[in-house]
Amino acid sequence: MSGEEVLSVDDLRVSFPARNGSGANFNAVDGVSLSLARGETLGIVGESGSGKTMLALSAMGLVPKPGRITSGSITLRNRRIDDLGERDLCDLRGREIGMVFQDPMTSLNPVRRVGALLVEAIRRHNKVGKDEARCRALDALRAVGIPSPEARLRAYPHELSGGLRQRVMIALALVNHPPVIIADEPTTALDTTIQAQILGLLRERLSDAALILITHDLGVAAELCDRIAVMYYGRIVEAGSAESILSRPRHPYTAGLLAAVPNFDFGRPTLVPIPGAPPDPSTPVNGCAFQERCQRRTPICATKPLLREHTGGLVACAHPAEEETIHA
C-alpha cells in the first residue's frame, strides 16, 4: 500500500431475509475483508448482483431495510463506524467519506437547485455563512470542469446533461475534501468521450484521497486502479495488483470476465461469454458459487474455497491457474 491505512473492512456480512418467506437470511455480502491506503485506488469488479454496491452502501451506513450488517466491522481512520447511530453517520458522510452514486438523475434531489445541494453539504460540515458556502460551491463546480458555474448553481438536475450531472455528483463528494471516496459505476450510461473526461477528472482530483471504484468495466479498472478485488456471489474470489489481475488472472471467473471484454485486436480470439448465469442471491449455494459455470470444476468444488495467498495475490479457488495470461 502507498500510505497509511484509512479504511478497513473485516469479515463483513450483510444479510437480507429470503424472498421465499422461509424466515431464512441470505448474505448479500459474505465475509468480505479489504483495506485501503491513503492515495490508493481499489477497484471492486464483478457482474450485477455480486455485492459490489451493497459493500459500498455498508461503508456509508446506507444498507437498505430490511438488510443489516450481521457480523464483521468497518473501520475508518482508526474509528469503528459500522455500529454508529444515524446522527454520527450524518456527521461522517461527506466529511470523512464521500460517495459518487451510480445514477445522478435519481441520486440528486430533483426539486432542489444544484447550488442549494452544494451549499447545504458545505454548511453541514463547516461553520461558514451562506455567502462563503456559495463561493466554495462555485469553486467546486469549477474544479470539476463545469462551464458557466454561476448558471449551473441555479439549475435543477433535469436541466443538465448526464455528463454534467455526474460532475455535480463528483463535486458534492469532493467539496469537503473527505479522505475516502467511493465511486459506484461513475461512468455508467455516459458516452466514450464523456467517460474519458470523468476518469481524467477523478485521476486529477484524487491525488491524496483514497478511492474505491466500483465497476463492471475492466477497462475503467485498468485505467484507474492500483489494486483490484473481484466479487462473485457476495464474496471476494480474487484480489491483487491491477497488473497481475488483468494480465495473469488465477480464478476462472476473473479469466472469464477478461475473455468477455470486447476488443478490436483481430489477432486475438473473439470474446467468449461466461456460460450460464450467477446463482440467485437468495438461494443458498453449497461449495464454490461459481462451480456450475466453471470448466475446471471437480468434486472438491463442493467445498467452499477459502481466500488464500497464491502467486502474489489472493484467490478463492481449488484449481487456480498457474500460467494463464490474458491481455485485456
C-alpha atoms as a PDB file:
ATOM      1  CA  MET A   1       0.000   0.000   0.000  1.00  0.00           C
ATOM      2  CA  SER A   2       1.147   3.501  -0.794  1.00  0.00           C
ATOM      3  CA  GLY A   3       0.385   5.195   2.541  1.00  0.00           C
ATOM      4  CA  GLU A   4      -1.327   4.917   5.891  1.00  0.00           C
ATOM      5  CA  GLU A   5      -4.415   2.732   6.099  1.00  0.00           C
ATOM      6  CA  VAL A   6      -7.576   4.837   6.063  1.00  0.00           C
ATOM      7  CA  LEU A   7     -10.312   2.204   5.635  1.00  0.00           C
ATOM      8  CA  SER A   8     -10.507  -1.391   6.766  1.00  0.00           C
ATOM      9  CA  VAL A   9     -13.311  -3.927   6.296  1.00  0.00           C
ATOM     10  CA  ASP A  10     -13.010  -7.122   8.308  1.00  0.00           C
ATOM     11  CA  ASP A  11     -15.110 -10.260   7.666  1.00  0.00           C
ATOM     12  CA  LEU A  12     -18.205  -8.190   6.805  1.00  0.00           C
ATOM     13  CA  ARG A  13     -21.594  -9.832   6.299  1.00  0.00           C
ATOM     14  CA  VAL A  14     -24.739  -8.016   5.202  1.00  0.00           C
ATOM     15  CA  SER A  15     -27.913 -10.110   5.422  1.00  0.00           C
ATOM     16  CA  PHE A  16     -31.412  -9.874   3.970  1.00  0.00           C
ATOM     17  CA  PRO A  17     -34.487 -12.047   4.592  1.00  0.00           C
ATOM     18  CA  ALA A  18     -35.014 -14.614   1.832  1.00  0.00           C
ATOM     19  CA  ARG A  19     -37.881 -13.763  -0.514  1.00  0.00           C
ATOM     20  CA  ASN A  20     -39.470 -17.220  -0.233  1.00  0.00           C
ATOM     21  CA  GLY A  21     -40.880 -16.456   3.224  1.00  0.00           C
ATOM     22  CA  SER A  22     -38.928 -19.273   4.862  1.00  0.00           C
ATOM     23  CA  GLY A  23     -37.593 -16.967   7.572  1.00  0.00           C
ATOM     24  CA  ALA A  24     -34.026 -17.699   6.489  1.00  0.00           C
ATOM     25  CA  ASN A  25     -31.495 -14.987   5.623  1.00  0.00           C
ATOM     26  CA  PHE A  26     -29.064 -14.713   2.741  1.00  0.00           C
ATOM     27  CA  ASN A  27     -25.798 -12.772   2.705  1.00  0.00           C
ATOM     28  CA  ALA A  28     -25.547 -10.099   0.023  1.00  0.00           C
ATOM     29  CA  VAL A  29     -22.022  -9.509   1.340  1.00  0.00           C
ATOM     30  CA  ASP A  30     -20.489 -12.688   2.712  1.00  0.00           C
ATOM     31  CA  GLY A  31     -17.302 -12.436   4.753  1.00  0.00           C
ATOM     32  CA  VAL A  32     -15.557  -9.641   2.825  1.00  0.00           C
ATOM     33  CA  SER A  33     -12.267  -8.233   4.127  1.00  0.00           C
ATOM     34  CA  LEU A  34     -10.254  -5.468   2.478  1.00  0.00           C
ATOM     35  CA  SER A  35      -8.129  -2.434   3.277  1.00  0.00           C
ATOM     36  CA  LEU A  36      -7.452   0.883   1.600  1.00  0.00           C
ATOM     37  CA  ALA A  37      -4.469   3.210   1.970  1.00  0.00           C
ATOM     38  CA  ARG A  38      -4.222   6.972   1.526  1.00  0.00           C
ATOM     39  CA  GLY A  39      -3.674   7.854  -2.135  1.00  0.00           C
ATOM     40  CA  GLU A  40      -4.620   4.371  -3.344  1.00  0.00           C
ATOM     41  CA  THR A  41      -7.367   3.344  -5.774  1.00  0.00           C
ATOM     42  CA  LEU A  42      -9.007  -0.037  -5.205  1.00  0.00           C
ATOM     43  CA  GLY A  43     -11.283  -1.416  -7.901  1.00  0.00           C
ATOM     44  CA  ILE A  44     -14.213  -3.684  -6.996  1.00  0.00           C
ATOM     45  CA  VAL A  45     -15.368  -5.557 -10.101  1.00  0.00           C
ATOM     46  CA  GLY A  46     -17.952  -8.214 -10.875  1.00  0.00           C
ATOM     47  CA  GLU A  47     -21.299  -8.839 -12.533  1.00  0.00           C
ATOM     48  CA  SER A  48     -24.526  -7.199 -11.389  1.00  0.00           C
ATOM     49  CA  GLY A  49     -25.708  -8.776  -8.149  1.00  0.00           C
ATOM     50  CA  SER A  50     -22.228  -9.732  -6.954  1.00  0.00           C
ATOM     51  CA  GLY A  51     -22.453  -7.466  -3.885  1.00  0.00           C
ATOM     52  CA  LYS A  52     -20.315  -4.528  -5.036  1.00  0.00           C
ATOM     53  CA  THR A  53     -22.817  -1.752  -4.361  1.00  0.00           C
ATOM     54  CA  MET A  54     -24.029  -3.323  -1.113  1.00  0.00           C
ATOM     55  CA  LEU A  55     -20.440  -3.303   0.136  1.00  0.00           C
ATOM     56  CA  ALA A  56     -20.219   0.420  -0.653  1.00  0.00           C
ATOM     57  CA  LEU A  57     -23.559   1.195   0.996  1.00  0.00           C
ATOM     58  CA  SER A  58     -22.382  -0.647   4.107  1.00  0.00           C
ATOM     59  CA  ALA A  59     -19.392   1.674   4.411  1.00  0.00           C
ATOM     60  CA  MET A  60     -21.749   4.666   4.152  1.00  0.00           C
ATOM     61  CA  GLY A  61     -24.230   3.280   6.692  1.00  0.00           C
ATOM     62  CA  LEU A  62     -26.887   3.143   3.959  1.00  0.00           C
ATOM     63  CA  VAL A  63     -27.816  -0.553   3.805  1.00  0.00           C
ATOM     64  CA  PRO A  64     -31.477  -0.564   2.700  1.00  0.00           C
ATOM     65  CA  LYS A  65     -34.002  -2.098   5.058  1.00  0.00           C
ATOM     66  CA  PRO A  66     -34.657  -4.876   5.894  1.00  0.00           C
ATOM     67  CA  GLY A  67     -30.978  -5.589   5.251  1.00  0.00           C
ATOM     68  CA  ARG A  68     -28.471  -5.196   8.067  1.00  0.00           C
ATOM     69  CA  ILE A  69     -24.847  -5.807   8.940  1.00  0.00           C
ATOM     70  CA  THR A  70     -24.860  -9.072  10.914  1.00  0.00           C
ATOM     71  CA  SER A  71     -21.139  -9.541  11.572  1.00  0.00           C
ATOM     72  CA  GLY A  72     -17.739  -8.073  10.932  1.00  0.00           C
ATOM     73  CA  SER A  73     -16.539  -4.494  11.227  1.00  0.00           C
ATOM     74  CA  ILE A  74     -15.742  -1.361   9.207  1.00  0.00           C
ATOM     75  CA  THR A  75     -13.002   0.964  10.496  1.00  0.00           C
ATOM     76  CA  LEU A  76     -12.403   4.445   9.090  1.00  0.00           C
ATOM     77  CA  ARG A  77      -9.209   6.174  10.220  1.00  0.00           C
ATOM     78  CA  ASN A  78      -8.972   4.067  13.399  1.00  0.00           C
ATOM     79  CA  ARG A  79     -12.658   4.609  14.263  1.00  0.00           C
ATOM     80  CA  ARG A  80     -15.179   1.803  14.005  1.00  0.00           C
ATOM     81  CA  ILE A  81     -18.171   3.079  12.032  1.00  0.00           C
ATOM     82  CA  ASP A  82     -20.424   0.067  11.342  1.00  0.00           C
ATOM     83  CA  ASP A  83     -22.159   0.423  14.716  1.00  0.00           C
ATOM     84  CA  LEU A  84     -22.670   4.206  14.690  1.00  0.00           C
ATOM     85  CA  GLY A  85     -26.087   5.808  15.117  1.00  0.00           C
ATOM     86  CA  GLU A  86     -27.736   7.860  12.378  1.00  0.00           C
ATOM     87  CA  ARG A  87     -26.655  11.227  13.817  1.00  0.00           C
ATOM     88  CA  ASP A  88     -22.997  10.200  13.905  1.00  0.00           C
ATOM     89  CA  LEU A  89     -23.280   8.743  10.393  1.00  0.00           C
ATOM     90  CA  CYS A  90     -24.689  12.033   9.097  1.00  0.00           C
ATOM     91  CA  ASP A  91     -21.670  13.829  10.573  1.00  0.00           C
ATOM     92  CA  LEU A  92     -19.368  11.332   8.876  1.00  0.00           C
ATOM     93  CA  ARG A  93     -20.935  11.257   5.383  1.00  0.00           C
ATOM     94  CA  GLY A  94     -19.464  13.924   3.177  1.00  0.00           C
ATOM     95  CA  ARG A  95     -16.795  14.921   5.704  1.00  0.00           C
ATOM     96  CA  GLU A  96     -14.912  11.644   6.268  1.00  0.00           C
ATOM     97  CA  ILE A  97     -16.244   9.578   3.393  1.00  0.00           C
ATOM     98  CA  GLY A  98     -17.926  10.738   0.192  1.00  0.00           C
ATOM     99  CA  MET A  99     -19.810   8.784  -2.436  1.00  0.00           C
ATOM    100  CA  VAL A 100     -20.448   9.261  -6.145  1.00  0.00           C
ATOM    101  CA  PHE A 101     -23.654   7.319  -6.742  1.00  0.00           C
ATOM    102  CA  GLN A 102     -24.344   5.293  -9.859  1.00  0.00           C
ATOM    103  CA  ASP A 103     -27.233   7.307 -11.287  1.00  0.00           C
ATOM    104  CA  PRO A 104     -27.050  11.055 -10.610  1.00  0.00           C
ATOM    105  CA  MET A 105     -30.535  11.606 -12.047  1.00  0.00           C
ATOM    106  CA  THR A 106     -32.091   9.594  -9.224  1.00  0.00           C
ATOM    107  CA  SER A 107     -29.474  10.460  -6.580  1.00  0.00           C
ATOM    108  CA  LEU A 108     -29.743  14.250  -6.869  1.00  0.00           C
ATOM    109  CA  ASN A 109     -32.864  15.843  -5.384  1.00  0.00           C
ATOM    110  CA  PRO A 110     -34.967  16.768  -8.457  1.00  0.00           C
ATOM    111  CA  VAL A 111     -36.735  19.703  -6.764  1.00  0.00           C
ATOM    112  CA  ARG A 112     -33.618  21.425  -5.429  1.00  0.00           C
ATOM    113  CA  ARG A 113     -31.171  23.523  -7.391  1.00  0.00           C
ATOM    114  CA  VAL A 114     -27.560  22.406  -7.717  1.00  0.00           C
ATOM    115  CA  GLY A 115     -26.369  25.393  -5.662  1.00  0.00           C
ATOM    116  CA  ALA A 116     -28.705  24.560  -2.778  1.00  0.00           C
ATOM    117  CA  LEU A 117     -27.397  20.975  -2.673  1.00  0.00           C
ATOM    118  CA  LEU A 118     -23.771  22.095  -2.586  1.00  0.00           C
ATOM    119  CA  VAL A 119     -24.328  24.898  -0.062  1.00  0.00           C
ATOM    120  CA  GLU A 120     -26.145  22.507   2.265  1.00  0.00           C
ATOM    121  CA  ALA A 121     -23.305  19.971   2.034  1.00  0.00           C
ATOM    122  CA  ILE A 122     -20.731  22.656   2.802  1.00  0.00           C
ATOM    123  CA  ARG A 123     -22.575  24.254   5.725  1.00  0.00           C
ATOM    124  CA  ARG A 124     -23.413  20.834   7.214  1.00  0.00           C
ATOM    125  CA  HIS A 125     -19.734  20.252   7.933  1.00  0.00           C
ATOM    126  CA  ASN A 126     -18.233  23.761   8.112  1.00  0.00           C
ATOM    127  CA  LYS A 127     -19.041  26.817  10.207  1.00  0.00           C
ATOM    128  CA  VAL A 128     -19.452  29.241   7.322  1.00  0.00           C
ATOM    129  CA  GLY A 129     -22.170  31.641   6.188  1.00  0.00           C
ATOM    130  CA  LYS A 130     -24.249  31.330   3.036  1.00  0.00           C
ATOM    131  CA  ASP A 131     -22.043  33.691   1.013  1.00  0.00           C
ATOM    132  CA  GLU A 132     -18.858  31.794   1.851  1.00  0.00           C
ATOM    133  CA  ALA A 133     -20.580  28.481   1.183  1.00  0.00           C
ATOM    134  CA  ARG A 134     -21.770  29.757  -2.195  1.00  0.00           C
ATOM    135  CA  CYS A 135     -18.208  30.788  -3.097  1.00  0.00           C
ATOM    136  CA  ARG A 136     -16.971  27.334  -2.172  1.00  0.00           C
ATOM    137  CA  ALA A 137     -19.776  25.772  -4.226  1.00  0.00           C
ATOM    138  CA  LEU A 138     -18.681  27.790  -7.258  1.00  0.00           C
ATOM    139  CA  ASP A 139     -15.084  26.721  -6.727  1.00  0.00           C
ATOM    140  CA  ALA A 140     -16.221  23.091  -6.506  1.00  0.00           C
ATOM    141  CA  LEU A 141     -18.058  23.320  -9.846  1.00  0.00           C
ATOM    142  CA  ARG A 142     -15.065  24.993 -11.488  1.00  0.00           C
ATOM    143  CA  ALA A 143     -12.761  22.303 -10.098  1.00  0.00           C
ATOM    144  CA  VAL A 144     -14.735  19.550 -11.829  1.00  0.00           C
ATOM    145  CA  GLY A 145     -14.735  21.405 -15.139  1.00  0.00           C
ATOM    146  CA  ILE A 146     -18.351  22.570 -15.292  1.00  0.00           C
ATOM    147  CA  PRO A 147     -18.700  25.515 -17.715  1.00  0.00           C
ATOM    148  CA  SER A 148     -20.664  28.625 -16.660  1.00  0.00           C
ATOM    149  CA  PRO A 149     -20.725  27.583 -12.968  1.00  0.00           C
ATOM    150  CA  GLU A 150     -22.807  30.603 -11.945  1.00  0.00           C
ATOM    151  CA  ALA A 151     -25.620  29.472 -14.224  1.00  0.00           C
ATOM    152  CA  ARG A 152     -25.277  25.834 -13.139  1.00  0.00           C
ATOM    153  CA  LEU A 153     -25.745  26.796  -9.480  1.00  0.00           C
ATOM    154  CA  ARG A 154     -29.259  27.936 -10.383  1.00  0.00           C
ATOM    155  CA  ALA A 155     -30.056  24.852 -12.475  1.00  0.00           C
ATOM    156  CA  TYR A 156     -32.134  21.848 -11.466  1.00  0.00           C
ATOM    157  CA  PRO A 157     -30.663  18.374 -12.126  1.00  0.00           C
ATOM    158  CA  HIS A 158     -33.033  17.658 -15.034  1.00  0.00           C
ATOM    159  CA  GLU A 159     -31.739  20.758 -16.807  1.00  0.00           C
ATOM    160  CA  LEU A 160     -28.221  19.286 -17.034  1.00  0.00           C
ATOM    161  CA  SER A 161     -26.791  16.653 -19.348  1.00  0.00           C
ATOM    162  CA  GLY A 162     -25.738  13.260 -17.999  1.00  0.00           C
ATOM    163  CA  GLY A 163     -22.082  14.242 -18.017  1.00  0.00           C
ATOM    164  CA  LEU A 164     -22.762  17.486 -16.133  1.00  0.00           C
ATOM    165  CA  ARG A 165     -24.926  15.704 -13.565  1.00  0.00           C
ATOM    166  CA  GLN A 166     -22.104  13.244 -12.948  1.00  0.00           C
ATOM    167  CA  ARG A 167     -19.683  16.157 -12.481  1.00  0.00           C
ATOM    168  CA  VAL A 168     -22.080  17.678  -9.946  1.00  0.00           C
ATOM    169  CA  MET A 169     -22.110  14.341  -8.087  1.00  0.00           C
ATOM    170  CA  ILE A 170     -18.312  14.351  -8.019  1.00  0.00           C
ATOM    171  CA  ALA A 171     -18.289  17.969  -6.799  1.00  0.00           C
ATOM    172  CA  LEU A 172     -20.688  17.019  -3.976  1.00  0.00           C
ATOM    173  CA  ALA A 173     -18.492  14.080  -2.989  1.00  0.00           C
ATOM    174  CA  LEU A 174     -15.278  16.147  -3.008  1.00  0.00           C
ATOM    175  CA  VAL A 175     -16.425  19.544  -1.751  1.00  0.00           C
ATOM    176  CA  ASN A 176     -15.471  18.844   1.886  1.00  0.00           C
ATOM    177  CA  HIS A 177     -12.239  17.003   0.944  1.00  0.00           C
ATOM    178  CA  PRO A 178     -13.023  13.650   2.618  1.00  0.00           C
ATOM    179  CA  PRO A 179     -10.080  11.244   2.890  1.00  0.00           C
ATOM    180  CA  VAL A 180     -12.104   8.373   1.351  1.00  0.00           C
ATOM    181  CA  ILE A 181     -14.235   8.483  -1.805  1.00  0.00           C
ATOM    182  CA  ILE A 182     -16.449   5.678  -3.105  1.00  0.00           C
ATOM    183  CA  ALA A 183     -17.412   5.910  -6.791  1.00  0.00           C
ATOM    184  CA  ASP A 184     -20.170   3.471  -7.783  1.00  0.00           C
ATOM    185  CA  GLU A 185     -20.168   2.968 -11.565  1.00  0.00           C
ATOM    186  CA  PRO A 186     -19.316   6.666 -12.152  1.00  0.00           C
ATOM    187  CA  THR A 187     -19.244   6.333 -15.947  1.00  0.00           C
ATOM    188  CA  THR A 188     -22.367   4.215 -16.495  1.00  0.00           C
ATOM    189  CA  ALA A 189     -24.601   5.459 -19.361  1.00  0.00           C
ATOM    190  CA  LEU A 190     -22.013   8.047 -20.470  1.00  0.00           C
ATOM    191  CA  ASP A 191     -20.614   8.071 -23.983  1.00  0.00           C
ATOM    192  CA  THR A 192     -16.945   7.270 -24.521  1.00  0.00           C
ATOM    193  CA  THR A 193     -15.755  10.879 -24.726  1.00  0.00           C
ATOM    194  CA  ILE A 194     -17.525  11.950 -21.509  1.00  0.00           C
ATOM    195  CA  GLN A 195     -16.399   8.743 -19.810  1.00  0.00           C
ATOM    196  CA  ALA A 196     -12.770   9.589 -20.569  1.00  0.00           C
ATOM    197  CA  GLN A 197     -13.285  13.110 -19.182  1.00  0.00           C
ATOM    198  CA  ILE A 198     -14.816  11.770 -15.952  1.00  0.00           C
ATOM    199  CA  LEU A 199     -11.979   9.270 -15.469  1.00  0.00           C
ATOM    200  CA  GLY A 200      -9.409  12.005 -16.078  1.00  0.00           C
ATOM    201  CA  LEU A 201     -11.205  14.205 -13.580  1.00  0.00           C
ATOM    202  CA  LEU A 202     -11.161  11.512 -10.895  1.00  0.00           C
ATOM    203  CA  ARG A 203      -7.482  10.846 -11.518  1.00  0.00           C
ATOM    204  CA  GLU A 204      -6.659  14.552 -11.258  1.00  0.00           C
ATOM    205  CA  ARG A 205      -8.780  15.390  -8.203  1.00  0.00           C
ATOM    206  CA  LEU A 206      -7.924  12.361  -6.059  1.00  0.00           C
ATOM    207  CA  SER A 207      -4.162  12.698  -5.775  1.00  0.00           C
ATOM    208  CA  ASP A 208      -4.245  12.392  -1.971  1.00  0.00           C
ATOM    209  CA  ALA A 209      -7.624  10.826  -1.162  1.00  0.00           C
ATOM    210  CA  ALA A 210      -8.237   7.081  -1.236  1.00  0.00           C
ATOM    211  CA  LEU A 211     -10.733   5.842  -3.818  1.00  0.00           C
ATOM    212  CA  ILE A 212     -12.883   2.727  -4.073  1.00  0.00           C
ATOM    213  CA  LEU A 213     -14.022   2.371  -7.668  1.00  0.00           C
ATOM    214  CA  ILE A 214     -16.964   0.017  -8.204  1.00  0.00           C
ATOM    215  CA  THR A 215     -17.339  -1.046 -11.815  1.00  0.00           C
ATOM    216  CA  HIS A 216     -18.240  -3.885 -14.154  1.00  0.00           C
ATOM    217  CA  ASP A 217     -15.940  -2.348 -16.788  1.00  0.00           C
ATOM    218  CA  LEU A 218     -12.457  -3.844 -16.626  1.00  0.00           C
ATOM    219  CA  GLY A 219     -11.195  -1.159 -18.989  1.00  0.00           C
ATOM    220  CA  VAL A 220     -12.158   1.506 -16.455  1.00  0.00           C
ATOM    221  CA  ALA A 221     -10.490  -0.517 -13.682  1.00  0.00           C
ATOM    222  CA  ALA A 222      -7.311  -0.814 -15.752  1.00  0.00           C
ATOM    223  CA  GLU A 223      -7.315   2.948 -16.294  1.00  0.00           C
ATOM    224  CA  LEU A 224      -7.519   3.997 -12.649  1.00  0.00           C
ATOM    225  CA  CYS A 225      -6.834   1.208 -10.159  1.00  0.00           C
ATOM    226  CA  ASP A 226      -3.737   0.217  -8.206  1.00  0.00           C
ATOM    227  CA  ARG A 227      -5.372  -2.951  -6.886  1.00  0.00           C
ATOM    228  CA  ILE A 228      -8.469  -4.913  -7.938  1.00  0.00           C
ATOM    229  CA  ALA A 229     -10.794  -7.180  -5.958  1.00  0.00           C
ATOM    230  CA  VAL A 230     -13.150  -9.432  -7.942  1.00  0.00           C
ATOM    231  CA  MET A 231     -16.516 -10.218  -6.312  1.00  0.00           C
ATOM    232  CA  TYR A 232     -18.894 -13.068  -7.042  1.00  0.00           C
ATOM    233  CA  TYR A 233     -21.996 -14.063  -5.071  1.00  0.00           C
ATOM    234  CA  GLY A 234     -21.156 -11.663  -2.238  1.00  0.00           C
ATOM    235  CA  ARG A 235     -17.568 -12.821  -1.791  1.00  0.00           C
ATOM    236  CA  ILE A 236     -14.141 -11.717  -2.978  1.00  0.00           C
ATOM    237  CA  VAL A 237     -12.871 -14.526  -5.194  1.00  0.00           C
ATOM    238  CA  GLU A 238      -9.616 -12.899  -6.305  1.00  0.00           C
ATOM    239  CA  ALA A 239      -7.581  -9.850  -5.299  1.00  0.00           C
ATOM    240  CA  GLY A 240      -4.205  -8.442  -6.204  1.00  0.00           C
ATOM    241  CA  SER A 241      -2.415  -5.711  -8.094  1.00  0.00           C
ATOM    242  CA  ALA A 242      -4.216  -4.393 -11.167  1.00  0.00           C
ATOM    243  CA  GLU A 243      -1.364  -5.592 -13.371  1.00  0.00           C
ATOM    244  CA  SER A 244      -1.493  -9.169 -12.071  1.00  0.00           C
ATOM    245  CA  ILE A 245      -5.291  -9.410 -12.125  1.00  0.00           C
ATOM    246  CA  LEU A 246      -5.570  -8.115 -15.686  1.00  0.00           C
ATOM    247  CA  SER A 247      -2.633  -9.996 -17.200  1.00  0.00           C
ATOM    248  CA  ARG A 248      -2.451 -13.179 -15.093  1.00  0.00           C
ATOM    249  CA  PRO A 249      -5.920 -13.998 -13.694  1.00  0.00           C
ATOM    250  CA  ARG A 250      -5.921 -17.006 -11.386  1.00  0.00           C
ATOM    251  CA  HIS A 251      -9.639 -17.506 -10.734  1.00  0.00           C
ATOM    252  CA  PRO A 252     -11.689 -18.881 -13.667  1.00  0.00           C
ATOM    253  CA  TYR A 253     -14.331 -16.194 -13.095  1.00  0.00           C
ATOM    254  CA  THR A 254     -11.740 -13.419 -13.478  1.00  0.00           C
ATOM    255  CA  ALA A 255     -10.428 -15.090 -16.623  1.00  0.00           C
ATOM    256  CA  GLY A 256     -13.988 -15.295 -17.925  1.00  0.00           C
ATOM    257  CA  LEU A 257     -14.602 -11.595 -17.313  1.00  0.00           C
ATOM    258  CA  LEU A 258     -11.440 -10.708 -19.228  1.00  0.00           C
ATOM    259  CA  ALA A 259     -12.257 -13.063 -22.098  1.00  0.00           C
ATOM    260  CA  ALA A 260     -15.663 -11.363 -22.429  1.00  0.00           C
ATOM    261  CA  VAL A 261     -14.176  -7.874 -22.902  1.00  0.00           C
ATOM    262  CA  PRO A 262     -14.791  -6.613 -26.471  1.00  0.00           C
ATOM    263  CA  ASN A 263     -11.615  -5.702 -28.363  1.00  0.00           C
ATOM    264  CA  PHE A 264     -10.510  -4.717 -31.833  1.00  0.00           C
ATOM    265  CA  ASP A 265      -7.396  -6.891 -31.984  1.00  0.00           C
ATOM    266  CA  PHE A 266      -8.012  -9.223 -34.920  1.00  0.00           C
ATOM    267  CA  GLY A 267      -5.111 -11.378 -33.805  1.00  0.00           C
ATOM    268  CA  ARG A 268      -6.930 -12.289 -30.590  1.00  0.00           C
ATOM    269  CA  PRO A 269      -9.847 -14.731 -30.473  1.00  0.00           C
ATOM    270  CA  THR A 270     -13.308 -13.195 -30.391  1.00  0.00           C
ATOM    271  CA  LEU A 271     -14.851 -12.576 -26.995  1.00  0.00           C
ATOM    272  CA  VAL A 272     -16.237 -15.609 -25.200  1.00  0.00           C
ATOM    273  CA  PRO A 273     -19.200 -15.141 -22.830  1.00  0.00           C
ATOM    274  CA  ILE A 274     -19.243 -16.861 -19.453  1.00  0.00           C
ATOM    275  CA  PRO A 275     -21.768 -19.722 -19.731  1.00  0.00           C
ATOM    276  CA  GLY A 276     -24.832 -19.772 -17.519  1.00  0.00           C
ATOM    277  CA  ALA A 277     -25.904 -17.088 -15.054  1.00  0.00           C
ATOM    278  CA  PRO A 278     -24.984 -16.137 -11.482  1.00  0.00           C
ATOM    279  CA  PRO A 279     -26.954 -18.007  -8.822  1.00  0.00           C
ATOM    280  CA  ASP A 280     -29.959 -16.340  -7.208  1.00  0.00           C
ATOM    281  CA  PRO A 281     -28.531 -14.362  -4.270  1.00  0.00           C
ATOM    282  CA  SER A 282     -31.359 -15.579  -2.009  1.00  0.00           C
ATOM    283  CA  THR A 283     -30.645 -19.260  -2.768  1.00  0.00           C
ATOM    284  CA  PRO A 284     -28.038 -20.970  -0.568  1.00  0.00           C
ATOM    285  CA  VAL A 285     -25.128 -22.468  -2.510  1.00  0.00           C
ATOM    286  CA  ASN A 286     -23.038 -25.318  -1.180  1.00  0.00           C
ATOM    287  CA  GLY A 287     -19.370 -25.127  -2.050  1.00  0.00           C
ATOM    288  CA  CYS A 288     -17.971 -22.807  -4.714  1.00  0.00           C
ATOM    289  CA  ALA A 289     -20.699 -20.499  -6.051  1.00  0.00           C
ATOM    290  CA  PHE A 290     -19.058 -20.456  -9.499  1.00  0.00           C
ATOM    291  CA  GLN A 291     -18.803 -24.219  -9.951  1.00  0.00           C
ATOM    292  CA  GLU A 292     -21.890 -24.614 -12.189  1.00  0.00           C
ATOM    293  CA  ARG A 293     -20.345 -22.208 -14.717  1.00  0.00           C
ATOM    294  CA  CYS A 294     -16.771 -23.453 -14.411  1.00  0.00           C
ATOM    295  CA  GLN A 295     -14.935 -25.807 -16.771  1.00  0.00           C
ATOM    296  CA  ARG A 296     -12.339 -26.626 -14.112  1.00  0.00           C
ATOM    297  CA  ARG A 297     -14.773 -27.976 -11.518  1.00  0.00           C
ATOM    298  CA  THR A 298     -14.092 -31.286  -9.772  1.00  0.00           C
ATOM    299  CA  PRO A 299     -15.745 -32.943  -6.743  1.00  0.00           C
ATOM    300  CA  ILE A 300     -13.590 -30.851  -4.379  1.00  0.00           C
ATOM    301  CA  CYS A 301     -15.519 -27.747  -5.556  1.00  0.00           C
ATOM    302  CA  ALA A 302     -18.461 -28.926  -3.440  1.00  0.00           C
ATOM    303  CA  THR A 303     -16.493 -27.454  -0.500  1.00  0.00           C
ATOM    304  CA  LYS A 304     -16.486 -23.666  -0.212  1.00  0.00           C
ATOM    305  CA  PRO A 305     -12.961 -22.461  -1.080  1.00  0.00           C
ATOM    306  CA  LEU A 306     -11.147 -20.090   1.256  1.00  0.00           C
ATOM    307  CA  LEU A 307      -9.478 -16.905   0.034  1.00  0.00           C
ATOM    308  CA  ARG A 308      -5.770 -17.663   0.307  1.00  0.00           C
ATOM    309  CA  GLU A 309      -2.437 -16.351  -0.939  1.00  0.00           C
ATOM    310  CA  HIS A 310      -1.408 -17.541  -4.378  1.00  0.00           C
ATOM    311  CA  THR A 311       1.473 -16.238  -6.535  1.00  0.00           C
ATOM    312  CA  GLY A 312       1.477 -12.704  -5.175  1.00  0.00           C
ATOM    313  CA  GLY A 313      -2.280 -12.261  -4.745  1.00  0.00           C
ATOM    314  CA  LEU A 314      -5.335 -13.822  -3.138  1.00  0.00           C
ATOM    315  CA  VAL A 315      -7.644 -16.358  -4.775  1.00  0.00           C
ATOM    316  CA  ALA A 316     -10.589 -18.470  -3.608  1.00  0.00           C
ATOM    317  CA  CYS A 317     -10.398 -21.460  -5.940  1.00  0.00           C
ATOM    318  CA  ALA A 318      -9.487 -25.129  -5.616  1.00  0.00           C
ATOM    319  CA  HIS A 319      -7.935 -25.049  -9.102  1.00  0.00           C
ATOM    320  CA  PRO A 320      -6.299 -21.634  -9.641  1.00  0.00           C
ATOM    321  CA  ALA A 321      -4.493 -21.100 -12.925  1.00  0.00           C
ATOM    322  CA  GLU A 322      -0.721 -21.174 -12.763  1.00  0.00           C
ATOM    323  CA  GLU A 323       0.425 -19.782 -16.104  1.00  0.00           C
ATOM    324  CA  GLU A 324      -2.692 -18.367 -17.763  1.00  0.00           C
ATOM    325  CA  THR A 325      -2.098 -14.946 -19.300  1.00  0.00           C
ATOM    326  CA  ILE A 326      -4.806 -12.744 -20.814  1.00  0.00           C
ATOM    327  CA  HIS A 327      -4.249  -9.277 -22.204  1.00  0.00           C
ATOM    328  CA  ALA A 328      -7.442  -7.253 -21.973  1.00  0.00           C
END
